[in-house]
Amino acid sequence: MRAATCISRPTRAGCDMRHAIALLSLLLAGNAAGDAILEVRDEDIRVELHRDAGPCVGSARWAIFYQGRVRIPGCWILNADSVQIAWLDGDISVIPVRAFREPKGL
């Protein structure tokens, strides 16, 4: 799980704010239920962010971590220039907003 927290590079705060605004606009725009709105990939690891709340409470939304056959659900929130994810296995990740991209189509 900790490998997902390695996805970071230094950047200017203005760039982070633009990415945060883009993430928020995708969240508000909506999509088909269950579809990921953003994802980040690092070798064989993929983290998906979903618009749906799933079992998450408050303003948190559904996230899924994939690595090989491992699949770990979690809940994410946007915090300024990072996405904070609490995984249901008890781990946490903080990933810079700028690392996320729109999911690649099949």
PDB file of N, CA and C in Angstrom:
ATOM      1  N   MET A   1       0.807  -1.177   0.000  1.00  0.00           N
ATOM      2  CA  MET A   1       0.000   0.000   0.000  1.00  0.00           C
ATOM      3  C   MET A   1       0.858   1.253   0.000  1.00  0.00           C
ATOM      4  N   ARG A   2       1.941   1.254   0.699  1.00  0.00           N
ATOM      5  CA  ARG A   2       2.749   2.452   0.834  1.00  0.00           C
ATOM      6  C   ARG A   2       3.300   2.929  -0.505  1.00  0.00           C
ATOM      7  N   ALA A   3       3.403   2.061  -1.498  1.00  0.00           N
ATOM      8  CA  ALA A   3       3.949   2.459  -2.796  1.00  0.00           C
ATOM      9  C   ALA A   3       3.143   3.585  -3.420  1.00  0.00           C
ATOM     10  N   ALA A   4       1.839   3.622  -3.163  1.00  0.00           N
ATOM     11  CA  ALA A   4       1.001   4.677  -3.745  1.00  0.00           C
ATOM     12  C   ALA A   4       1.371   6.047  -3.191  1.00  0.00           C
ATOM     13  N   THR A   5       1.969   6.110  -2.016  1.00  0.00           N
ATOM     14  CA  THR A   5       2.347   7.404  -1.453  1.00  0.00           C
ATOM     15  C   THR A   5       3.640   7.917  -2.063  1.00  0.00           C
ATOM     16  N   CYS A   6       4.333   7.141  -2.865  1.00  0.00           N
ATOM     17  CA  CYS A   6       5.605   7.543  -3.467  1.00  0.00           C
ATOM     18  C   CYS A   6       5.399   8.449  -4.674  1.00  0.00           C
ATOM     19  N   ILE A   7       4.200   8.585  -5.128  1.00  0.00           N
ATOM     20  CA  ILE A   7       3.929   9.314  -6.354  1.00  0.00           C
ATOM     21  C   ILE A   7       3.919  10.804  -6.035  1.00  0.00           C
ATOM     22  N   SER A   8       5.090  11.414  -5.985  1.00  0.00           N
ATOM     23  CA  SER A   8       5.131  12.842  -5.713  1.00  0.00           C
ATOM     24  C   SER A   8       6.375  13.459  -6.317  1.00  0.00           C
ATOM     25  N   ARG A   9       6.212  14.697  -6.767  1.00  0.00           N
ATOM     26  CA  ARG A   9       7.313  15.499  -7.290  1.00  0.00           C
ATOM     27  C   ARG A   9       7.102  16.923  -6.821  1.00  0.00           C
ATOM     28  N   PRO A  10       8.175  17.643  -6.501  1.00  0.00           N
ATOM     29  CA  PRO A  10       8.001  19.042  -6.084  1.00  0.00           C
ATOM     30  C   PRO A  10       7.377  19.869  -7.204  1.00  0.00           C
ATOM     31  N   THR A  11       6.575  20.825  -6.836  1.00  0.00           N
ATOM     32  CA  THR A  11       5.941  21.699  -7.811  1.00  0.00           C
ATOM     33  C   THR A  11       5.566  23.015  -7.150  1.00  0.00           C
ATOM     34  N   ARG A  12       5.190  23.976  -7.950  1.00  0.00           N
ATOM     35  CA  ARG A  12       4.746  25.268  -7.429  1.00  0.00           C
ATOM     36  C   ARG A  12       3.321  25.152  -6.905  1.00  0.00           C
ATOM     37  N   ALA A  13       3.001  25.951  -5.905  1.00  0.00           N
ATOM     38  CA  ALA A  13       1.664  25.928  -5.305  1.00  0.00           C
ATOM     39  C   ALA A  13       0.590  26.297  -6.316  1.00  0.00           C
ATOM     40  N   GLY A  14       0.871  27.225  -7.230  1.00  0.00           N
ATOM     41  CA  GLY A  14      -0.112  27.618  -8.235  1.00  0.00           C
ATOM     42  C   GLY A  14      -0.514  26.467  -9.123  1.00  0.00           C
ATOM     43  N   CYS A  15       0.431  25.667  -9.498  1.00  0.00           N
ATOM     44  CA  CYS A  15       0.160  24.485 -10.320  1.00  0.00           C
ATOM     45  C   CYS A  15      -0.745  23.521  -9.558  1.00  0.00           C
ATOM     46  N   ASP A  16      -0.456  23.321  -8.270  1.00  0.00           N
ATOM     47  CA  ASP A  16      -1.276  22.434  -7.455  1.00  0.00           C
ATOM     48  C   ASP A  16      -2.709  22.941  -7.365  1.00  0.00           C
ATOM     49  N   MET A  17      -2.882  24.243  -7.226  1.00  0.00           N
ATOM     50  CA  MET A  17      -4.221  24.810  -7.132  1.00  0.00           C
ATOM     51  C   MET A  17      -4.991  24.599  -8.422  1.00  0.00           C
ATOM     52  N   ARG A  18      -4.348  24.743  -9.570  1.00  0.00           N
ATOM     53  CA  ARG A  18      -5.026  24.490 -10.851  1.00  0.00           C
ATOM     54  C   ARG A  18      -5.476  23.035 -10.931  1.00  0.00           C
ATOM     55  N   HIS A  19      -4.623  22.112 -10.477  1.00  0.00           N
ATOM     56  CA  HIS A  19      -5.007  20.705 -10.483  1.00  0.00           C
ATOM     57  C   HIS A  19      -6.160  20.441  -9.514  1.00  0.00           C
ATOM     58  N   ALA A  20      -6.149  21.087  -8.361  1.00  0.00           N
ATOM     59  CA  ALA A  20      -7.230  20.926  -7.400  1.00  0.00           C
ATOM     60  C   ALA A  20      -8.549  21.435  -7.980  1.00  0.00           C
ATOM     61  N   ILE A  21      -8.507  22.548  -8.671  1.00  0.00           N
ATOM     62  CA  ILE A  21      -9.709  23.107  -9.296  1.00  0.00           C
ATOM     63  C   ILE A  21     -10.209  22.172 -10.396  1.00  0.00           C
ATOM     64  N   ALA A  22      -9.289  21.613 -11.172  1.00  0.00           N
ATOM     65  CA  ALA A  22      -9.684  20.672 -12.226  1.00  0.00           C
ATOM     66  C   ALA A  22     -10.327  19.427 -11.625  1.00  0.00           C
ATOM     67  N   LEU A  23      -9.768  18.928 -10.527  1.00  0.00           N
ATOM     68  CA  LEU A  23     -10.334  17.759  -9.853  1.00  0.00           C
ATOM     69  C   LEU A  23     -11.731  18.066  -9.345  1.00  0.00           C
ATOM     70  N   LEU A  24     -11.905  19.220  -8.726  1.00  0.00           N
ATOM     71  CA  LEU A  24     -13.207  19.618  -8.209  1.00  0.00           C
ATOM     72  C   LEU A  24     -14.222  19.761  -9.335  1.00  0.00           C
ATOM     73  N   SER A  25     -13.817  20.306 -10.472  1.00  0.00           N
ATOM     74  CA  SER A  25     -14.756  20.459 -11.588  1.00  0.00           C
ATOM     75  C   SER A  25     -15.171  19.110 -12.154  1.00  0.00           C
ATOM     76  N   LEU A  26     -14.247  18.145 -12.205  1.00  0.00           N
ATOM     77  CA  LEU A  26     -14.613  16.798 -12.655  1.00  0.00           C
ATOM     78  C   LEU A  26     -15.582  16.147 -11.681  1.00  0.00           C
ATOM     79  N   LEU A  27     -15.368  16.375 -10.410  1.00  0.00           N
ATOM     80  CA  LEU A  27     -16.240  15.815  -9.391  1.00  0.00           C
ATOM     81  C   LEU A  27     -17.652  16.380  -9.520  1.00  0.00           C
ATOM     82  N   LEU A  28     -17.754  17.680  -9.747  1.00  0.00           N
ATOM     83  CA  LEU A  28     -19.057  18.326  -9.861  1.00  0.00           C
ATOM     84  C   LEU A  28     -19.749  18.016 -11.179  1.00  0.00           C
ATOM     85  N   ALA A  29     -18.973  17.755 -12.233  1.00  0.00           N
ATOM     86  CA  ALA A  29     -19.546  17.498 -13.553  1.00  0.00           C
ATOM     87  C   ALA A  29     -20.315  16.191 -13.587  1.00  0.00           C
ATOM     88  N   GLY A  30     -19.877  15.220 -12.814  1.00  0.00           N
ATOM     89  CA  GLY A  30     -20.573  13.938 -12.775  1.00  0.00           C
ATOM     90  C   GLY A  30     -20.146  13.022 -13.896  1.00  0.00           C
ATOM     91  N   ASN A  31     -20.551  11.770 -13.773  1.00  0.00           N
ATOM     92  CA  ASN A  31     -20.269  10.742 -14.761  1.00  0.00           C
ATOM     93  C   ASN A  31     -21.200   9.576 -14.485  1.00  0.00           C
ATOM     94  N   ALA A  32     -21.049   8.529 -15.261  1.00  0.00           N
ATOM     95  CA  ALA A  32     -21.880   7.349 -15.050  1.00  0.00           C
ATOM     96  C   ALA A  32     -21.575   6.740 -13.681  1.00  0.00           C
ATOM     97  N   ALA A  33     -22.590   6.260 -13.013  1.00  0.00           N
ATOM     98  CA  ALA A  33     -22.404   5.684 -11.679  1.00  0.00           C
ATOM     99  C   ALA A  33     -21.381   4.559 -11.725  1.00  0.00           C
ATOM    100  N   GLY A  34     -20.467   4.568 -10.775  1.00  0.00           N
ATOM    101  CA  GLY A  34     -19.479   3.506 -10.673  1.00  0.00           C
ATOM    102  C   GLY A  34     -18.215   3.732 -11.467  1.00  0.00           C
ATOM    103  N   ASP A  35     -18.217   4.667 -12.409  1.00  0.00           N
ATOM    104  CA  ASP A  35     -17.023   4.922 -13.205  1.00  0.00           C
ATOM    105  C   ASP A  35     -16.031   5.775 -12.430  1.00  0.00           C
ATOM    106  N   ALA A  36     -14.755   5.481 -12.614  1.00  0.00           N
ATOM    107  CA  ALA A  36     -13.712   6.298 -11.996  1.00  0.00           C
ATOM    108  C   ALA A  36     -13.664   7.650 -12.687  1.00  0.00           C
ATOM    109  N   ILE A  37     -13.478   8.722 -11.904  1.00  0.00           N
ATOM    110  CA  ILE A  37     -13.342  10.047 -12.502  1.00  0.00           C
ATOM    111  C   ILE A  37     -11.876  10.393 -12.729  1.00  0.00           C
ATOM    112  N   LEU A  38     -10.993   9.852 -11.894  1.00  0.00           N
ATOM    113  CA  LEU A  38      -9.552  10.077 -12.025  1.00  0.00           C
ATOM    114  C   LEU A  38      -8.801   8.839 -11.581  1.00  0.00           C
ATOM    115  N   GLU A  39      -7.566   8.726 -12.061  1.00  0.00           N
ATOM    116  CA  GLU A  39      -6.719   7.622 -11.635  1.00  0.00           C
ATOM    117  C   GLU A  39      -5.268   8.059 -11.627  1.00  0.00           C
ATOM    118  N   VAL A  40      -4.467   7.334 -10.886  1.00  0.00           N
ATOM    119  CA  VAL A  40      -3.030   7.517 -10.888  1.00  0.00           C
ATOM    120  C   VAL A  40      -2.414   6.123 -11.020  1.00  0.00           C
ATOM    121  N   ARG A  41      -1.367   6.043 -11.822  1.00  0.00           N
ATOM    122  CA  ARG A  41      -0.690   4.761 -12.042  1.00  0.00           C
ATOM    123  C   ARG A  41       0.788   4.906 -11.730  1.00  0.00           C
ATOM    124  N   ASP A  42       1.363   3.859 -11.164  1.00  0.00           N
ATOM    125  CA  ASP A  42       2.789   3.791 -10.886  1.00  0.00           C
ATOM    126  C   ASP A  42       3.192   2.336 -11.026  1.00  0.00           C
ATOM    127  N   GLU A  43       3.785   2.007 -12.172  1.00  0.00           N
ATOM    128  CA  GLU A  43       4.146   0.633 -12.521  1.00  0.00           C
ATOM    129  C   GLU A  43       2.912  -0.249 -12.447  1.00  0.00           C
ATOM    130  N   ASP A  44       2.862  -1.231 -11.525  1.00  0.00           N
ATOM    131  CA  ASP A  44       1.712  -2.138 -11.476  1.00  0.00           C
ATOM    132  C   ASP A  44       0.644  -1.694 -10.475  1.00  0.00           C
ATOM    133  N   ILE A  45       0.747  -0.475  -9.982  1.00  0.00           N
ATOM    134  CA  ILE A  45      -0.220   0.050  -9.015  1.00  0.00           C
ATOM    135  C   ILE A  45      -1.152   1.032  -9.713  1.00  0.00           C
ATOM    136  N   ARG A  46      -2.436   0.948  -9.364  1.00  0.00           N
ATOM    137  CA  ARG A  46      -3.411   1.909  -9.878  1.00  0.00           C
ATOM    138  C   ARG A  46      -4.338   2.310  -8.731  1.00  0.00           C
ATOM    139  N   VAL A  47      -4.601   3.594  -8.603  1.00  0.00           N
ATOM    140  CA  VAL A  47      -5.552   4.113  -7.631  1.00  0.00           C
ATOM    141  C   VAL A  47      -6.623   4.859  -8.403  1.00  0.00           C
ATOM    142  N   GLU A  48      -7.863   4.465  -8.196  1.00  0.00           N
ATOM    143  CA  GLU A  48      -9.000   5.110  -8.850  1.00  0.00           C
ATOM    144  C   GLU A  48      -9.781   5.933  -7.831  1.00  0.00           C
ATOM    145  N   LEU A  49     -10.204   7.114  -8.259  1.00  0.00           N
ATOM    146  CA  LEU A  49     -11.101   7.935  -7.461  1.00  0.00           C
ATOM    147  C   LEU A  49     -12.468   7.916  -8.118  1.00  0.00           C
ATOM    148  N   HIS A  50     -13.502   7.722  -7.328  1.00  0.00           N
ATOM    149  CA  HIS A  50     -14.868   7.668  -7.841  1.00  0.00           C
ATOM    150  C   HIS A  50     -15.683   8.824  -7.288  1.00  0.00           C
ATOM    151  N   ARG A  51     -16.686   9.226  -8.030  1.00  0.00           N
ATOM    152  CA  ARG A  51     -17.580  10.300  -7.615  1.00  0.00           C
ATOM    153  C   ARG A  51     -18.563   9.803  -6.563  1.00  0.00           C
ATOM    154  N   ASP A  52     -18.958   8.554  -6.660  1.00  0.00           N
ATOM    155  CA  ASP A  52     -19.920   7.968  -5.719  1.00  0.00           C
ATOM    156  C   ASP A  52     -19.323   7.878  -4.321  1.00  0.00           C
ATOM    157  N   ALA A  53     -20.179   8.025  -3.319  1.00  0.00           N
ATOM    158  CA  ALA A  53     -19.725   7.934  -1.936  1.00  0.00           C
ATOM    159  C   ALA A  53     -19.477   6.492  -1.502  1.00  0.00           C
ATOM    160  N   GLY A  54     -20.191   5.541  -2.100  1.00  0.00           N
ATOM    161  CA  GLY A  54     -20.044   4.163  -1.635  1.00  0.00           C
ATOM    162  C   GLY A  54     -20.349   4.104  -0.143  1.00  0.00           C
ATOM    163  N   PRO A  55     -19.535   3.416   0.649  1.00  0.00           N
ATOM    164  CA  PRO A  55     -19.772   3.344   2.097  1.00  0.00           C
ATOM    165  C   PRO A  55     -19.175   4.533   2.864  1.00  0.00           C
ATOM    166  N   CYS A  56     -18.573   5.477   2.150  1.00  0.00           N
ATOM    167  CA  CYS A  56     -17.897   6.613   2.790  1.00  0.00           C
ATOM    168  C   CYS A  56     -18.934   7.594   3.349  1.00  0.00           C
ATOM    169  N   VAL A  57     -18.539   8.341   4.379  1.00  0.00           N
ATOM    170  CA  VAL A  57     -19.457   9.273   5.030  1.00  0.00           C
ATOM    171  C   VAL A  57     -18.993  10.713   4.836  1.00  0.00           C
ATOM    172  N   GLY A  58     -19.904  11.653   5.066  1.00  0.00           N
ATOM    173  CA  GLY A  58     -19.582  13.067   4.926  1.00  0.00           C
ATOM    174  C   GLY A  58     -19.258  13.412   3.487  1.00  0.00           C
ATOM    175  N   SER A  59     -18.211  14.175   3.297  1.00  0.00           N
ATOM    176  CA  SER A  59     -17.814  14.586   1.947  1.00  0.00           C
ATOM    177  C   SER A  59     -16.849  13.600   1.286  1.00  0.00           C
ATOM    178  N   ALA A  60     -16.507  12.521   1.963  1.00  0.00           N
ATOM    179  CA  ALA A  60     -15.583  11.523   1.409  1.00  0.00           C
ATOM    180  C   ALA A  60     -16.243  10.743   0.276  1.00  0.00           C
ATOM    181  N   ARG A  61     -15.433  10.352  -0.683  1.00  0.00           N
ATOM    182  CA  ARG A  61     -15.887   9.581  -1.839  1.00  0.00           C
ATOM    183  C   ARG A  61     -15.078   8.303  -1.952  1.00  0.00           C
ATOM    184  N   TRP A  62     -15.567   7.376  -2.744  1.00  0.00           N
ATOM    185  CA  TRP A  62     -15.036   6.035  -2.918  1.00  0.00           C
ATOM    186  C   TRP A  62     -13.715   6.034  -3.684  1.00  0.00           C
ATOM    187  N   ALA A  63     -12.758   5.229  -3.249  1.00  0.00           N
ATOM    188  CA  ALA A  63     -11.480   5.032  -3.942  1.00  0.00           C
ATOM    189  C   ALA A  63     -11.180   3.539  -3.968  1.00  0.00           C
ATOM    190  N   ILE A  64     -10.414   3.116  -4.959  1.00  0.00           N
ATOM    191  CA  ILE A  64     -10.003   1.703  -5.035  1.00  0.00           C
ATOM    192  C   ILE A  64      -8.535   1.639  -5.420  1.00  0.00           C
ATOM    193  N   PHE A  65      -7.773   0.832  -4.676  1.00  0.00           N
ATOM    194  CA  PHE A  65      -6.359   0.576  -4.926  1.00  0.00           C
ATOM    195  C   PHE A  65      -6.255  -0.792  -5.592  1.00  0.00           C
ATOM    196  N   TYR A  66      -5.495  -0.863  -6.691  1.00  0.00           N
ATOM    197  CA  TYR A  66      -5.260  -2.127  -7.388  1.00  0.00           C
ATOM    198  C   TYR A  66      -3.758  -2.379  -7.496  1.00  0.00           C
ATOM    199  N   GLN A  67      -3.351  -3.597  -7.209  1.00  0.00           N
ATOM    200  CA  GLN A  67      -1.989  -4.047  -7.486  1.00  0.00           C
ATOM    201  C   GLN A  67      -2.065  -5.548  -7.715  1.00  0.00           C
ATOM    202  N   GLY A  68      -1.886  -5.943  -8.974  1.00  0.00           N
ATOM    203  CA  GLY A  68      -2.062  -7.356  -9.316  1.00  0.00           C
ATOM    204  C   GLY A  68      -3.472  -7.791  -8.969  1.00  0.00           C
ATOM    205  N   ARG A  69      -3.581  -8.841  -8.170  1.00  0.00           N
ATOM    206  CA  ARG A  69      -4.901  -9.333  -7.756  1.00  0.00           C
ATOM    207  C   ARG A  69      -5.426  -8.639  -6.503  1.00  0.00           C
ATOM    208  N   VAL A  70      -4.609  -7.799  -5.898  1.00  0.00           N
ATOM    209  CA  VAL A  70      -5.011  -7.104  -4.679  1.00  0.00           C
ATOM    210  C   VAL A  70      -5.914  -5.929  -5.023  1.00  0.00           C
ATOM    211  N   ARG A  71      -6.999  -5.826  -4.308  1.00  0.00           N
ATOM    212  CA  ARG A  71      -7.948  -4.718  -4.472  1.00  0.00           C
ATOM    213  C   ARG A  71      -8.336  -4.252  -3.077  1.00  0.00           C
ATOM    214  N   ILE A  72      -8.058  -2.974  -2.771  1.00  0.00           N
ATOM    215  CA  ILE A  72      -8.368  -2.440  -1.449  1.00  0.00           C
ATOM    216  C   ILE A  72      -9.249  -1.206  -1.613  1.00  0.00           C
ATOM    217  N   PRO A  73     -10.445  -1.226  -1.053  1.00  0.00           N
ATOM    218  CA  PRO A  73     -11.324  -0.058  -1.113  1.00  0.00           C
ATOM    219  C   PRO A  73     -10.935   0.972  -0.066  1.00  0.00           C
ATOM    220  N   GLY A  74     -11.329   2.216  -0.306  1.00  0.00           N
ATOM    221  CA  GLY A  74     -11.057   3.284   0.640  1.00  0.00           C
ATOM    222  C   GLY A  74     -11.946   4.477   0.383  1.00  0.00           C
ATOM    223  N   CYS A  75     -11.712   5.535   1.147  1.00  0.00           N
ATOM    224  CA  CYS A  75     -12.479   6.767   1.036  1.00  0.00           C
ATOM    225  C   CYS A  75     -11.505   7.930   0.874  1.00  0.00           C
ATOM    226  N   TRP A  76     -11.805   8.841  -0.058  1.00  0.00           N
ATOM    227  CA  TRP A  76     -10.895   9.959  -0.337  1.00  0.00           C
ATOM    228  C   TRP A  76     -11.575  11.295  -0.140  1.00  0.00           C
ATOM    229  N   ILE A  77     -10.725  12.291   0.191  1.00  0.00           N
ATOM    230  CA  ILE A  77     -11.154  13.678   0.241  1.00  0.00           C
ATOM    231  C   ILE A  77     -10.068  14.538  -0.403  1.00  0.00           C
ATOM    232  N   LEU A  78     -10.481  15.668  -0.927  1.00  0.00           N
ATOM    233  CA  LEU A  78      -9.543  16.633  -1.504  1.00  0.00           C
ATOM    234  C   LEU A  78      -9.141  17.605  -0.416  1.00  0.00           C
ATOM    235  N   ASN A  79      -7.835  17.768  -0.216  1.00  0.00           N
ATOM    236  CA  ASN A  79      -7.321  18.693   0.795  1.00  0.00           C
ATOM    237  C   ASN A  79      -6.289  19.592   0.133  1.00  0.00           C
ATOM    238  N   ALA A  80      -6.732  20.742  -0.356  1.00  0.00           N
ATOM    239  CA  ALA A  80      -5.863  21.726  -1.026  1.00  0.00           C
ATOM    240  C   ALA A  80      -5.159  21.089  -2.216  1.00  0.00           C
ATOM    241  N   ASP A  81      -3.874  20.778  -2.092  1.00  0.00           N
ATOM    242  CA  ASP A  81      -3.099  20.264  -3.228  1.00  0.00           C
ATOM    243  C   ASP A  81      -2.864  18.760  -3.160  1.00  0.00           C
ATOM    244  N   SER A  82      -3.611  18.053  -2.311  1.00  0.00           N
ATOM    245  CA  SER A  82      -3.429  16.604  -2.215  1.00  0.00           C
ATOM    246  C   SER A  82      -4.773  15.898  -2.053  1.00  0.00           C
ATOM    247  N   VAL A  83      -4.746  14.624  -2.380  1.00  0.00           N
ATOM    248  CA  VAL A  83      -5.885  13.741  -2.161  1.00  0.00           C
ATOM    249  C   VAL A  83      -5.498  12.836  -0.999  1.00  0.00           C
ATOM    250  N   GLN A  84      -6.309  12.841   0.044  1.00  0.00           N
ATOM    251  CA  GLN A  84      -6.041  12.002   1.202  1.00  0.00           C
ATOM    252  C   GLN A  84      -6.986  10.819   1.156  1.00  0.00           C
ATOM    253  N   ILE A  85      -6.418   9.623   1.280  1.00  0.00           N
ATOM    254  CA  ILE A  85      -7.210   8.402   1.173  1.00  0.00           C
ATOM    255  C   ILE A  85      -7.023   7.565   2.434  1.00  0.00           C
ATOM    256  N   ALA A  86      -8.132   7.197   3.043  1.00  0.00           N
ATOM    257  CA  ALA A  86      -8.120   6.268   4.174  1.00  0.00           C
ATOM    258  C   ALA A  86      -8.585   4.921   3.627  1.00  0.00           C
ATOM    259  N   TRP A  87      -7.677   3.962   3.604  1.00  0.00           N
ATOM    260  CA  TRP A  87      -7.993   2.639   3.065  1.00  0.00           C
ATOM    261  C   TRP A  87      -8.682   1.809   4.135  1.00  0.00           C
ATOM    262  N   LEU A  88      -9.591   0.948   3.720  1.00  0.00           N
ATOM    263  CA  LEU A  88     -10.356   0.157   4.668  1.00  0.00           C
ATOM    264  C   LEU A  88      -9.520  -0.934   5.337  1.00  0.00           C
ATOM    265  N   ASP A  89      -8.255  -1.095   4.914  1.00  0.00           N
ATOM    266  CA  ASP A  89      -7.356  -2.019   5.611  1.00  0.00           C
ATOM    267  C   ASP A  89      -6.604  -1.306   6.740  1.00  0.00           C
ATOM    268  N   GLY A  90      -6.899  -0.006   6.949  1.00  0.00           N
ATOM    269  CA  GLY A  90      -6.287   0.754   8.026  1.00  0.00           C
ATOM    270  C   GLY A  90      -5.137   1.644   7.603  1.00  0.00           C
ATOM    271  N   ASP A  91      -4.658   1.513   6.380  1.00  0.00           N
ATOM    272  CA  ASP A  91      -3.547   2.323   5.879  1.00  0.00           C
ATOM    273  C   ASP A  91      -4.079   3.661   5.363  1.00  0.00           C
ATOM    274  N   ILE A  92      -3.169   4.618   5.144  1.00  0.00           N
ATOM    275  CA  ILE A  92      -3.555   5.895   4.541  1.00  0.00           C
ATOM    276  C   ILE A  92      -2.573   6.249   3.438  1.00  0.00           C
ATOM    277  N   SER A  93      -3.011   7.071   2.496  1.00  0.00           N
ATOM    278  CA  SER A  93      -2.166   7.592   1.426  1.00  0.00           C
ATOM    279  C   SER A  93      -2.471   9.066   1.252  1.00  0.00           C
ATOM    280  N   VAL A  94      -1.438   9.825   0.944  1.00  0.00           N
ATOM    281  CA  VAL A  94      -1.584  11.229   0.569  1.00  0.00           C
ATOM    282  C   VAL A  94      -0.889  11.373  -0.777  1.00  0.00           C
ATOM    283  N   ILE A  95      -1.655  11.673  -1.807  1.00  0.00           N
ATOM    284  CA  ILE A  95      -1.138  11.725  -3.174  1.00  0.00           C
ATOM    285  C   ILE A  95      -1.381  13.121  -3.730  1.00  0.00           C
ATOM    286  N   PRO A  96      -0.354  13.748  -4.314  1.00  0.00           N
ATOM    287  CA  PRO A  96      -0.548  15.080  -4.898  1.00  0.00           C
ATOM    288  C   PRO A  96      -1.616  15.063  -5.989  1.00  0.00           C
ATOM    289  N   VAL A  97      -2.434  16.088  -6.018  1.00  0.00           N
ATOM    290  CA  VAL A  97      -3.496  16.198  -7.017  1.00  0.00           C
ATOM    291  C   VAL A  97      -2.921  16.105  -8.424  1.00  0.00           C
ATOM    292  N   ARG A  98      -1.754  16.698  -8.646  1.00  0.00           N
ATOM    293  CA  ARG A  98      -1.168  16.745  -9.982  1.00  0.00           C
ATOM    294  C   ARG A  98      -0.810  15.361 -10.529  1.00  0.00           C
ATOM    295  N   ALA A  99      -0.773  14.344  -9.692  1.00  0.00           N
ATOM    296  CA  ALA A  99      -0.454  12.991 -10.141  1.00  0.00           C
ATOM    297  C   ALA A  99      -1.628  12.322 -10.843  1.00  0.00           C
ATOM    298  N   PHE A 100      -2.842  12.800 -10.613  1.00  0.00           N
ATOM    299  CA  PHE A 100      -4.042  12.151 -11.152  1.00  0.00           C
ATOM    300  C   PHE A 100      -4.329  12.597 -12.588  1.00  0.00           C
ATOM    301  N   ARG A 101      -4.848  11.670 -13.352  1.00  0.00           N
ATOM    302  CA  ARG A 101      -5.249  11.887 -14.750  1.00  0.00           C
ATOM    303  C   ARG A 101      -6.634  11.274 -14.969  1.00  0.00           C
ATOM    304  N   GLU A 102      -7.262  11.693 -16.059  1.00  0.00           N
ATOM    305  CA  GLU A 102      -8.522  11.034 -16.427  1.00  0.00           C
ATOM    306  C   GLU A 102      -8.207   9.596 -16.801  1.00  0.00           C
ATOM    307  N   PRO A 103      -9.097   8.659 -16.441  1.00  0.00           N
ATOM    308  CA  PRO A 103      -8.848   7.242 -16.742  1.00  0.00           C
ATOM    309  C   PRO A 103      -8.723   6.992 -18.242  1.00  0.00           C
ATOM    310  N   LYS A 104      -7.859   6.067 -18.585  1.00  0.00           N
ATOM    311  CA  LYS A 104      -7.710   5.673 -19.984  1.00  0.00           C
ATOM    312  C   LYS A 104      -8.875   4.758 -20.353  1.00  0.00           C
ATOM    313  N   GLY A 105      -9.465   5.004 -21.521  1.00  0.00           N
ATOM    314  CA  GLY A 105     -10.560   4.160 -21.988  1.00  0.00           C
ATOM    315  C   GLY A 105     -10.054   2.791 -22.372  1.00  0.00           C
ATOM    316  N   LEU A 106     -10.973   1.843 -22.364  1.00  0.00           N
ATOM    317  CA  LEU A 106     -10.610   0.461 -22.731  1.00  0.00           C
ATOM    318  C   LEU A 106     -10.503   0.321 -24.230  1.00  0.00           C
TER     319      LEU A 106
END
